[in-house]
């Protein structure tokens, strides 16, 4: 879902029917377990 929303976490959470906080906690847990890589910085679009 994150790839579909171009890593826009608020949009992904809404599409999944969960709160942003729940998504953030899940992402943190996945990173700690090595399932998900550390976040990458995305250039701002002007």
PDB file of N, CA and C in Angstrom:
ATOM      1  N   UNK A   1       0.821  -1.188   0.000  1.00  0.00           N
ATOM      2  CA  UNK A   1       0.000   0.000   0.000  1.00  0.00           C
ATOM      3  C   UNK A   1       0.867   1.256   0.000  1.00  0.00           C
ATOM      4  N   UNK A   2       2.003   1.217   0.701  1.00  0.00           N
ATOM      5  CA  UNK A   2       2.864   2.398   0.733  1.00  0.00           C
ATOM      6  C   UNK A   2       3.405   2.740  -0.647  1.00  0.00           C
ATOM      7  N   UNK A   3       3.744   1.736  -1.409  1.00  0.00           N
ATOM      8  CA  UNK A   3       4.221   2.017  -2.767  1.00  0.00           C
ATOM      9  C   UNK A   3       3.101   2.608  -3.613  1.00  0.00           C
ATOM     10  N   UNK A   4       1.894   2.130  -3.424  1.00  0.00           N
ATOM     11  CA  UNK A   4       0.755   2.645  -4.190  1.00  0.00           C
ATOM     12  C   UNK A   4       0.461   4.101  -3.852  1.00  0.00           C
ATOM     13  N   UNK A   5       0.765   4.503  -2.619  1.00  0.00           N
ATOM     14  CA  UNK A   5       0.535   5.890  -2.204  1.00  0.00           C
ATOM     15  C   UNK A   5       1.823   6.702  -2.249  1.00  0.00           C
ATOM     16  N   UNK A   6       2.827   6.167  -2.925  1.00  0.00           N
ATOM     17  CA  UNK A   6       4.140   6.810  -3.035  1.00  0.00           C
ATOM     18  C   UNK A   6       4.706   7.140  -1.654  1.00  0.00           C
ATOM     19  N   UNK A   7       4.542   6.209  -0.724  1.00  0.00           N
ATOM     20  CA  UNK A   7       5.030   6.302   0.655  1.00  0.00           C
ATOM     21  C   UNK A   7       4.383   7.444   1.430  1.00  0.00           C
ATOM     22  N   UNK A   8       3.193   7.870   1.024  1.00  0.00           N
ATOM     23  CA  UNK A   8       2.442   8.866   1.786  1.00  0.00           C
ATOM     24  C   UNK A   8       1.700   8.098   2.874  1.00  0.00           C
ATOM     25  N   UNK A   9       2.242   8.150   4.083  1.00  0.00           N
ATOM     26  CA  UNK A   9       1.755   7.295   5.156  1.00  0.00           C
ATOM     27  C   UNK A   9       0.326   7.616   5.580  1.00  0.00           C
ATOM     28  N   UNK A  10      -0.053   8.870   5.567  1.00  0.00           N
ATOM     29  CA  UNK A  10      -1.432   9.214   5.937  1.00  0.00           C
ATOM     30  C   UNK A  10      -2.425   8.605   4.960  1.00  0.00           C
ATOM     31  N   UNK A  11      -2.111   8.688   3.673  1.00  0.00           N
ATOM     32  CA  UNK A  11      -2.998   8.114   2.654  1.00  0.00           C
ATOM     33  C   UNK A  11      -3.052   6.597   2.773  1.00  0.00           C
ATOM     34  N   UNK A  12      -1.912   5.981   3.043  1.00  0.00           N
ATOM     35  CA  UNK A  12      -1.868   4.526   3.187  1.00  0.00           C
ATOM     36  C   UNK A  12      -2.703   4.080   4.384  1.00  0.00           C
ATOM     37  N   UNK A  13      -2.561   4.776   5.501  1.00  0.00           N
ATOM     38  CA  UNK A  13      -3.332   4.426   6.693  1.00  0.00           C
ATOM     39  C   UNK A  13      -4.826   4.549   6.428  1.00  0.00           C
ATOM     40  N   UNK A  14      -5.214   5.621   5.769  1.00  0.00           N
ATOM     41  CA  UNK A  14      -6.633   5.824   5.457  1.00  0.00           C
ATOM     42  C   UNK A  14      -7.151   4.710   4.551  1.00  0.00           C
ATOM     43  N   UNK A  15      -6.370   4.345   3.537  1.00  0.00           N
ATOM     44  CA  UNK A  15      -6.785   3.291   2.610  1.00  0.00           C
ATOM     45  C   UNK A  15      -6.899   1.941   3.317  1.00  0.00           C
ATOM     46  N   UNK A  16      -6.062   1.725   4.332  1.00  0.00           N
ATOM     47  CA  UNK A  16      -6.089   0.468   5.080  1.00  0.00           C
ATOM     48  C   UNK A  16      -7.145   0.462   6.186  1.00  0.00           C
ATOM     49  N   UNK A  17      -7.719   1.630   6.453  1.00  0.00           N
ATOM     50  CA  UNK A  17      -8.736   1.719   7.496  1.00  0.00           C
ATOM     51  C   UNK A  17      -8.160   1.683   8.897  1.00  0.00           C
ATOM     52  N   UNK A  18      -6.919   2.171   9.053  1.00  0.00           N
ATOM     53  CA  UNK A  18      -6.282   2.228  10.365  1.00  0.00           C
ATOM     54  C   UNK A  18      -5.811   3.657  10.608  1.00  0.00           C
ATOM     55  N   UNK A  19      -5.507   3.956  11.863  1.00  0.00           N
ATOM     56  CA  UNK A  19      -5.031   5.299  12.182  1.00  0.00           C
ATOM     57  C   UNK A  19      -3.572   5.448  11.749  1.00  0.00           C
ATOM     58  N   UNK A  20      -3.149   6.696  11.586  1.00  0.00           N
ATOM     59  CA  UNK A  20      -1.743   6.942  11.245  1.00  0.00           C
ATOM     60  C   UNK A  20      -0.844   6.408  12.341  1.00  0.00           C
ATOM     61  N   UNK A  21      -1.257   6.597  13.579  1.00  0.00           N
ATOM     62  CA  UNK A  21      -0.442   6.129  14.702  1.00  0.00           C
ATOM     63  C   UNK A  21      -0.245   4.614  14.643  1.00  0.00           C
ATOM     64  N   UNK A  22      -1.298   3.879  14.319  1.00  0.00           N
ATOM     65  CA  UNK A  22      -1.186   2.426  14.192  1.00  0.00           C
ATOM     66  C   UNK A  22      -0.211   2.070  13.080  1.00  0.00           C
ATOM     67  N   UNK A  23      -0.311   2.759  11.950  1.00  0.00           N
ATOM     68  CA  UNK A  23       0.610   2.494  10.845  1.00  0.00           C
ATOM     69  C   UNK A  23       2.040   2.799  11.260  1.00  0.00           C
ATOM     70  N   UNK A  24       2.269   3.926  11.929  1.00  0.00           N
ATOM     71  CA  UNK A  24       3.617   4.295  12.361  1.00  0.00           C
ATOM     72  C   UNK A  24       4.189   3.243  13.309  1.00  0.00           C
ATOM     73  N   UNK A  25       3.356   2.752  14.239  1.00  0.00           N
ATOM     74  CA  UNK A  25       3.832   1.723  15.175  1.00  0.00           C
ATOM     75  C   UNK A  25       4.184   0.434  14.451  1.00  0.00           C
ATOM     76  N   UNK A  26       3.360   0.047  13.470  1.00  0.00           N
ATOM     77  CA  UNK A  26       3.641  -1.167  12.709  1.00  0.00           C
ATOM     78  C   UNK A  26       4.936  -1.016  11.910  1.00  0.00           C
ATOM     79  N   UNK A  27       5.119   0.140  11.275  1.00  0.00           N
ATOM     80  CA  UNK A  27       6.339   0.368  10.504  1.00  0.00           C
ATOM     81  C   UNK A  27       7.566   0.327  11.406  1.00  0.00           C
ATOM     82  N   UNK A  28       7.460   0.929  12.580  1.00  0.00           N
ATOM     83  CA  UNK A  28       8.576   0.913  13.525  1.00  0.00           C
ATOM     84  C   UNK A  28       8.922  -0.523  13.925  1.00  0.00           C
ATOM     85  N   UNK A  29       7.895  -1.318  14.213  1.00  0.00           N
ATOM     86  CA  UNK A  29       8.107  -2.712  14.606  1.00  0.00           C
ATOM     87  C   UNK A  29       8.764  -3.500  13.471  1.00  0.00           C
ATOM     88  N   UNK A  30       8.297  -3.289  12.236  1.00  0.00           N
ATOM     89  CA  UNK A  30       8.870  -3.993  11.089  1.00  0.00           C
ATOM     90  C   UNK A  30      10.326  -3.598  10.876  1.00  0.00           C
ATOM     91  N   UNK A  31      10.648  -2.316  11.085  1.00  0.00           N
ATOM     92  CA  UNK A  31      12.045  -1.871  10.943  1.00  0.00           C
ATOM     93  C   UNK A  31      12.918  -2.515  12.009  1.00  0.00           C
ATOM     94  N   UNK A  32      12.422  -2.577  13.239  1.00  0.00           N
ATOM     95  CA  UNK A  32      13.180  -3.170  14.341  1.00  0.00           C
ATOM     96  C   UNK A  32      13.446  -4.645  14.089  1.00  0.00           C
ATOM     97  N   UNK A  33      12.524  -5.323  13.424  1.00  0.00           N
ATOM     98  CA  UNK A  33      12.672  -6.742  13.121  1.00  0.00           C
ATOM     99  C   UNK A  33      13.465  -6.979  11.842  1.00  0.00           C
ATOM    100  N   UNK A  34      13.825  -5.908  11.143  1.00  0.00           N
ATOM    101  CA  UNK A  34      14.584  -6.039   9.908  1.00  0.00           C
ATOM    102  C   UNK A  34      13.737  -6.402   8.705  1.00  0.00           C
ATOM    103  N   UNK A  35      12.417  -6.357   8.853  1.00  0.00           N
ATOM    104  CA  UNK A  35      11.512  -6.694   7.755  1.00  0.00           C
ATOM    105  C   UNK A  35      11.431  -5.547   6.761  1.00  0.00           C
ATOM    106  N   UNK A  36      11.529  -4.336   7.268  1.00  0.00           N
ATOM    107  CA  UNK A  36      11.403  -3.137   6.444  1.00  0.00           C
ATOM    108  C   UNK A  36      12.670  -2.317   6.611  1.00  0.00           C
ATOM    109  N   UNK A  37      13.250  -1.832   5.523  1.00  0.00           N
ATOM    110  CA  UNK A  37      14.466  -1.023   5.655  1.00  0.00           C
ATOM    111  C   UNK A  37      14.164   0.312   6.322  1.00  0.00           C
ATOM    112  N   UNK A  38      15.209   0.954   6.803  1.00  0.00           N
ATOM    113  CA  UNK A  38      15.062   2.282   7.385  1.00  0.00           C
ATOM    114  C   UNK A  38      14.473   3.216   6.339  1.00  0.00           C
ATOM    115  N   UNK A  39      13.740   4.214   6.786  1.00  0.00           N
ATOM    116  CA  UNK A  39      13.116   5.132   5.820  1.00  0.00           C
ATOM    117  C   UNK A  39      14.163   5.860   4.993  1.00  0.00           C
ATOM    118  N   UNK A  40      13.811   6.097   3.761  1.00  0.00           N
ATOM    119  CA  UNK A  40      14.696   6.841   2.879  1.00  0.00           C
ATOM    120  C   UNK A  40      14.140   8.252   2.720  1.00  0.00           C
ATOM    121  N   UNK A  41      15.017   9.155   2.454  1.00  0.00           N
ATOM    122  CA  UNK A  41      14.579  10.540   2.284  1.00  0.00           C
ATOM    123  C   UNK A  41      14.146  10.737   0.848  1.00  0.00           C
ATOM    124  N   UNK A  42      13.013  11.342   0.688  1.00  0.00           N
ATOM    125  CA  UNK A  42      12.459  11.600  -0.635  1.00  0.00           C
ATOM    126  C   UNK A  42      12.588  13.090  -0.907  1.00  0.00           C
ATOM    127  N   UNK A  43      13.045  13.420  -2.089  1.00  0.00           N
ATOM    128  CA  UNK A  43      13.182  14.832  -2.449  1.00  0.00           C
ATOM    129  C   UNK A  43      11.810  15.494  -2.489  1.00  0.00           C
ATOM    130  N   UNK A  44      11.751  16.696  -2.025  1.00  0.00           N
ATOM    131  CA  UNK A  44      10.494  17.439  -2.065  1.00  0.00           C
ATOM    132  C   UNK A  44      10.163  17.824  -3.493  1.00  0.00           C
ATOM    133  N   UNK A  45       8.906  17.699  -3.825  1.00  0.00           N
ATOM    134  CA  UNK A  45       8.454  18.113  -5.148  1.00  0.00           C
ATOM    135  C   UNK A  45       7.979  19.548  -5.075  1.00  0.00           C
ATOM    136  N   UNK A  46       8.469  20.366  -5.952  1.00  0.00           N
ATOM    137  CA  UNK A  46       8.058  21.776  -5.966  1.00  0.00           C
ATOM    138  C   UNK A  46       6.973  22.008  -6.969  1.00  0.00           C
TER     139      UNK A  46
END
